[in-house]
Amino acid sequence: MAPSDRHKKLQNMLSKWIGNRSFKMCGLPEANVVGYVADFVSIAGMHDESHTRYAKHSGLTKMSMGWSHNEKCYKIHGDVDRWYVCVFEVKVSRADFLNTFGNRTSPHAKARQEPVGTAHWVVADKGVCKPEELPEFWGLLTPYGTGLTELKMPKLNVLPEHILHSIAFDMLWLQMNYRVSYYDQLIGMAESVRELHRGIINDVPRRDLLELSNKATKACNGLAG
């Protein structure tokens, strides 16, 4: 099922929100680069203020302070780098939230019980969920005015450098070679297979059948899911 208009609007809002807190950001909706299909995943180089705030909240200790002559500001060098893998789950209804976080014995929910990125947020309208209903490392964002406000800060998960690089490579590949929406790709794949099935039933000429087969194969290649 394709995401609703409200779901898409919240995705756009969170993309702007994380963009405002980072000096560089690459994000993809419905991307499977962290072990499951998250509603939005981004690689973000966080601004000093945001990075310091989340690092302190997570109890990470600064190891040294360095002066950057190029940017004329202090940098933090320590347990966590400023490049975050940000994982977002968008919830537009209470039922949608409970399906993902309510039944913690289901495979769908279990996947969200362990951190897979650096920072994780649920983005939901007011009343959909409460901060205390989320696992400790998940933050909570809710609409406020034309933007989002943070009701709960996430606890950072420090990723090994090779994991960060691997996720970044996968996201760049997807951005360059793969249609933006996972759901759009699923719909396209289903339609191309349906056309091939109709062609077989209607006994279309072999040449046309081969063309339909190639089209279906191309639609299925590189499916992120």
Protein backbone atom coordinates (compact mmCIF):
# COMPACT_ATOMS: atom_id res chain seq x y z
CA MET A 1 0.00 0.00 0.00
CA ALA A 2 1.35 3.39 -0.99
CA PRO A 3 2.02 5.93 1.80
CA SER A 4 -0.77 8.41 2.53
CA ASP A 5 -0.54 12.13 1.83
CA ARG A 6 -0.09 12.76 5.55
CA HIS A 7 2.75 10.24 5.67
CA LYS A 8 4.47 11.99 2.77
CA LYS A 9 3.98 15.40 4.41
CA LEU A 10 5.61 14.19 7.63
CA GLN A 11 8.48 12.75 5.59
CA ASN A 12 9.01 16.13 3.96
CA MET A 13 8.90 17.84 7.35
CA LEU A 14 11.47 15.51 8.90
CA SER A 15 13.75 15.88 5.88
CA LYS A 16 13.71 19.66 6.39
CA TRP A 17 14.16 19.23 10.16
CA ILE A 18 17.31 17.10 9.92
CA GLY A 19 18.57 19.28 7.06
CA ASN A 20 18.41 22.34 9.32
CA ARG A 21 20.58 20.58 11.90
CA SER A 22 23.28 19.40 9.53
CA PHE A 23 25.76 21.00 7.15
CA LYS A 24 25.35 18.19 4.63
CA MET A 25 22.63 15.57 4.31
CA CYS A 26 21.72 12.71 1.96
CA GLY A 27 18.33 11.13 2.64
CA LEU A 28 16.08 8.48 1.09
CA PRO A 29 12.51 7.42 1.89
CA GLU A 30 11.59 3.74 2.30
CA ALA A 31 15.21 2.62 2.03
CA ASN A 32 16.49 -0.77 3.16
CA VAL A 33 20.05 0.10 4.15
CA VAL A 34 19.89 -0.62 7.90
CA GLY A 35 18.51 -4.17 7.91
CA TYR A 36 14.84 -3.25 7.45
CA VAL A 37 12.81 -0.82 5.37
CA ALA A 38 12.76 2.42 7.38
CA ASP A 39 10.40 5.24 6.44
CA PHE A 40 13.37 7.59 5.99
CA VAL A 41 17.13 7.16 6.39
CA SER A 42 19.73 9.89 6.08
CA ILE A 43 23.46 10.35 6.42
CA ALA A 44 23.88 13.74 8.08
CA GLY A 45 26.92 15.76 9.06
CA MET A 46 25.56 17.39 12.20
CA HIS A 47 26.23 20.98 13.18
CA ASP A 48 28.39 21.42 16.28
CA GLU A 49 25.48 22.59 18.46
CA SER A 50 23.28 19.59 17.63
CA HIS A 51 26.16 17.12 17.83
CA THR A 52 27.23 18.43 21.26
CA ARG A 53 23.66 18.35 22.55
CA TYR A 54 23.03 14.74 21.53
CA ALA A 55 26.48 13.57 22.63
CA LYS A 56 25.99 15.05 26.12
CA HIS A 57 22.49 13.60 26.38
CA SER A 58 23.89 10.16 25.51
CA GLY A 59 26.64 10.38 28.11
CA LEU A 60 29.47 10.36 25.59
CA THR A 61 32.73 11.77 26.90
CA LYS A 62 34.79 14.34 25.02
CA MET A 63 38.34 13.13 24.56
CA SER A 64 39.84 16.34 23.22
CA MET A 65 38.96 19.70 21.79
CA GLY A 66 40.48 20.96 18.58
CA TRP A 67 40.48 24.31 16.80
CA SER A 68 39.49 24.36 13.14
CA HIS A 69 41.14 27.32 11.37
CA ASN A 70 39.05 26.77 8.25
CA GLU A 71 35.62 27.01 9.86
CA LYS A 72 36.55 29.19 12.86
CA CYS A 73 34.76 27.00 15.38
CA TYR A 74 35.50 24.31 17.92
CA LYS A 75 35.15 20.69 16.90
CA ILE A 76 34.48 17.76 19.14
CA HIS A 77 36.73 14.76 18.67
CA GLY A 78 35.72 11.85 20.80
CA ASP A 79 33.48 8.82 21.06
CA VAL A 80 31.11 9.80 18.27
CA ASP A 81 31.76 11.41 14.94
CA ARG A 82 29.53 14.19 13.62
CA TRP A 83 28.39 12.01 10.72
CA TYR A 84 25.18 10.32 11.83
CA VAL A 85 23.09 7.57 10.26
CA CYS A 86 19.62 8.92 11.09
CA VAL A 87 16.70 6.46 11.05
CA PHE A 88 13.11 7.73 11.05
CA GLU A 89 9.78 5.92 11.44
CA VAL A 90 6.69 7.93 10.45
CA LYS A 91 3.45 7.02 12.23
CA VAL A 92 0.16 8.60 11.15
CA SER A 93 -2.17 6.62 13.43
CA ARG A 94 -2.20 4.79 16.74
CA ALA A 95 -2.74 1.47 14.95
CA ASP A 96 0.26 2.15 12.72
CA PHE A 97 2.41 2.85 15.78
CA LEU A 98 1.26 -0.26 17.66
CA ASN A 99 1.91 -2.41 14.60
CA THR A 100 5.57 -1.36 14.71
CA PHE A 101 6.26 -0.82 18.41
CA GLY A 102 3.33 -2.39 20.29
CA ASN A 103 3.81 -6.13 19.81
CA ARG A 104 7.49 -6.54 20.55
CA THR A 105 7.43 -10.27 19.80
CA SER A 106 6.67 -9.77 16.09
CA PRO A 107 9.60 -9.75 13.62
CA HIS A 108 8.51 -6.28 12.44
CA ALA A 109 8.71 -4.89 15.97
CA LYS A 110 11.79 -6.85 17.03
CA ALA A 111 13.80 -5.20 14.26
CA ARG A 112 13.16 -1.81 15.90
CA GLN A 113 14.20 -2.92 19.39
CA GLU A 114 17.93 -2.71 18.66
CA PRO A 115 19.72 0.38 17.28
CA VAL A 116 20.84 0.08 13.67
CA GLY A 117 21.83 3.71 13.04
CA THR A 118 23.43 6.49 15.05
CA ALA A 119 20.20 8.28 15.97
CA HIS A 120 16.58 7.13 15.69
CA TRP A 121 13.35 9.12 15.76
CA VAL A 122 9.64 8.37 15.52
CA VAL A 123 7.75 11.16 13.76
CA ALA A 124 4.08 11.17 14.73
CA ASP A 125 1.13 13.49 15.15
CA LYS A 126 0.17 14.49 18.68
CA GLY A 127 -1.61 11.70 20.54
CA VAL A 128 -0.34 8.85 18.36
CA CYS A 129 2.24 7.74 20.95
CA LYS A 130 3.94 8.80 24.17
CA PRO A 131 7.71 9.15 24.73
CA GLU A 132 7.70 6.44 27.42
CA GLU A 133 6.24 3.92 24.96
CA LEU A 134 9.41 4.02 22.86
CA PRO A 135 12.62 2.06 23.39
CA GLU A 136 15.27 4.12 25.19
CA PHE A 137 17.31 4.95 22.09
CA TRP A 138 14.35 6.23 20.03
CA GLY A 139 13.56 9.94 20.02
CA LEU A 140 10.14 11.46 19.28
CA LEU A 141 9.27 14.32 16.93
CA THR A 142 5.81 15.80 16.55
CA PRO A 143 4.44 18.62 14.35
CA TYR A 144 4.47 22.09 15.88
CA GLY A 145 3.44 25.02 13.73
CA THR A 146 5.01 24.54 10.31
CA GLY A 147 7.83 22.35 11.61
CA LEU A 148 8.65 19.65 14.14
CA THR A 149 9.44 19.78 17.84
CA GLU A 150 11.45 17.17 19.73
CA LEU A 151 9.51 15.66 22.63
CA LYS A 152 12.19 13.07 23.36
CA MET A 153 15.87 13.07 22.45
CA PRO A 154 17.40 9.86 21.11
CA LYS A 155 20.30 8.11 22.79
CA LEU A 156 23.15 7.88 20.29
CA ASN A 157 24.50 4.55 19.09
CA VAL A 158 28.15 4.88 18.04
CA LEU A 159 28.63 3.02 14.76
CA PRO A 160 31.96 1.50 13.73
CA GLU A 161 33.51 3.46 10.90
CA HIS A 162 33.22 0.58 8.42
CA ILE A 163 29.46 0.28 9.09
CA LEU A 164 28.98 4.02 8.55
CA HIS A 165 30.89 3.83 5.27
CA SER A 166 28.95 0.76 4.14
CA ILE A 167 25.57 2.43 4.74
CA ALA A 168 26.76 5.63 3.06
CA PHE A 169 27.88 3.64 -0.01
CA ASP A 170 24.53 1.83 -0.21
CA MET A 171 22.63 5.12 0.02
CA LEU A 172 24.72 6.77 -2.68
CA TRP A 173 24.21 3.76 -4.95
CA LEU A 174 20.45 3.85 -4.37
CA GLN A 175 20.30 7.58 -4.96
CA MET A 176 22.12 7.23 -8.28
CA ASN A 177 20.54 4.01 -9.59
CA TYR A 178 17.21 3.47 -7.92
CA ARG A 179 13.85 5.21 -8.10
CA VAL A 180 13.13 7.39 -5.08
CA SER A 181 10.26 5.44 -3.56
CA TYR A 182 10.33 1.82 -2.46
CA TYR A 183 6.56 1.69 -2.81
CA ASP A 184 6.71 3.10 -6.33
CA GLN A 185 9.14 0.34 -7.26
CA LEU A 186 6.87 -2.32 -5.77
CA ILE A 187 3.91 -0.98 -7.76
CA GLY A 188 5.96 -0.88 -10.96
CA MET A 189 7.23 -4.40 -10.39
CA ALA A 190 3.72 -5.74 -9.77
CA GLU A 191 2.37 -4.06 -12.90
CA SER A 192 5.14 -5.40 -15.15
CA VAL A 193 4.65 -8.96 -13.81
CA ARG A 194 0.89 -8.57 -14.33
CA GLU A 195 1.48 -7.56 -17.97
CA LEU A 196 3.72 -10.58 -18.48
CA HIS A 197 1.06 -12.85 -16.96
CA ARG A 198 -1.62 -11.42 -19.27
CA GLY A 199 0.70 -11.95 -22.23
CA ILE A 200 1.19 -15.63 -21.35
CA ILE A 201 -2.55 -16.20 -20.89
CA ASN A 202 -3.41 -14.42 -24.15
CA ASP A 203 -0.72 -16.36 -26.02
CA VAL A 204 0.97 -13.25 -27.42
CA PRO A 205 3.73 -13.70 -30.03
CA ARG A 206 7.08 -14.94 -28.70
CA ARG A 207 8.83 -11.67 -29.56
CA ASP A 208 6.31 -9.60 -27.57
CA LEU A 209 6.46 -12.08 -24.69
CA LEU A 210 10.25 -11.74 -24.56
CA GLU A 211 9.91 -7.96 -24.42
CA LEU A 212 7.44 -8.22 -21.53
CA SER A 213 9.74 -10.66 -19.76
CA ASN A 214 12.72 -8.29 -20.06
CA LYS A 215 10.59 -5.44 -18.77
CA ALA A 216 9.53 -7.47 -15.71
CA THR A 217 13.10 -8.57 -15.03
CA LYS A 218 14.36 -4.98 -15.17
CA ALA A 219 11.59 -3.86 -12.77
CA CYS A 220 12.57 -6.53 -10.25
CA ASN A 221 16.33 -5.91 -10.39
CA GLY A 222 17.74 -3.91 -7.48
CA LEU A 223 14.55 -4.08 -5.42
CA ALA A 224 15.33 -2.59 -2.03
CA GLY A 225 13.30 -4.62 0.35
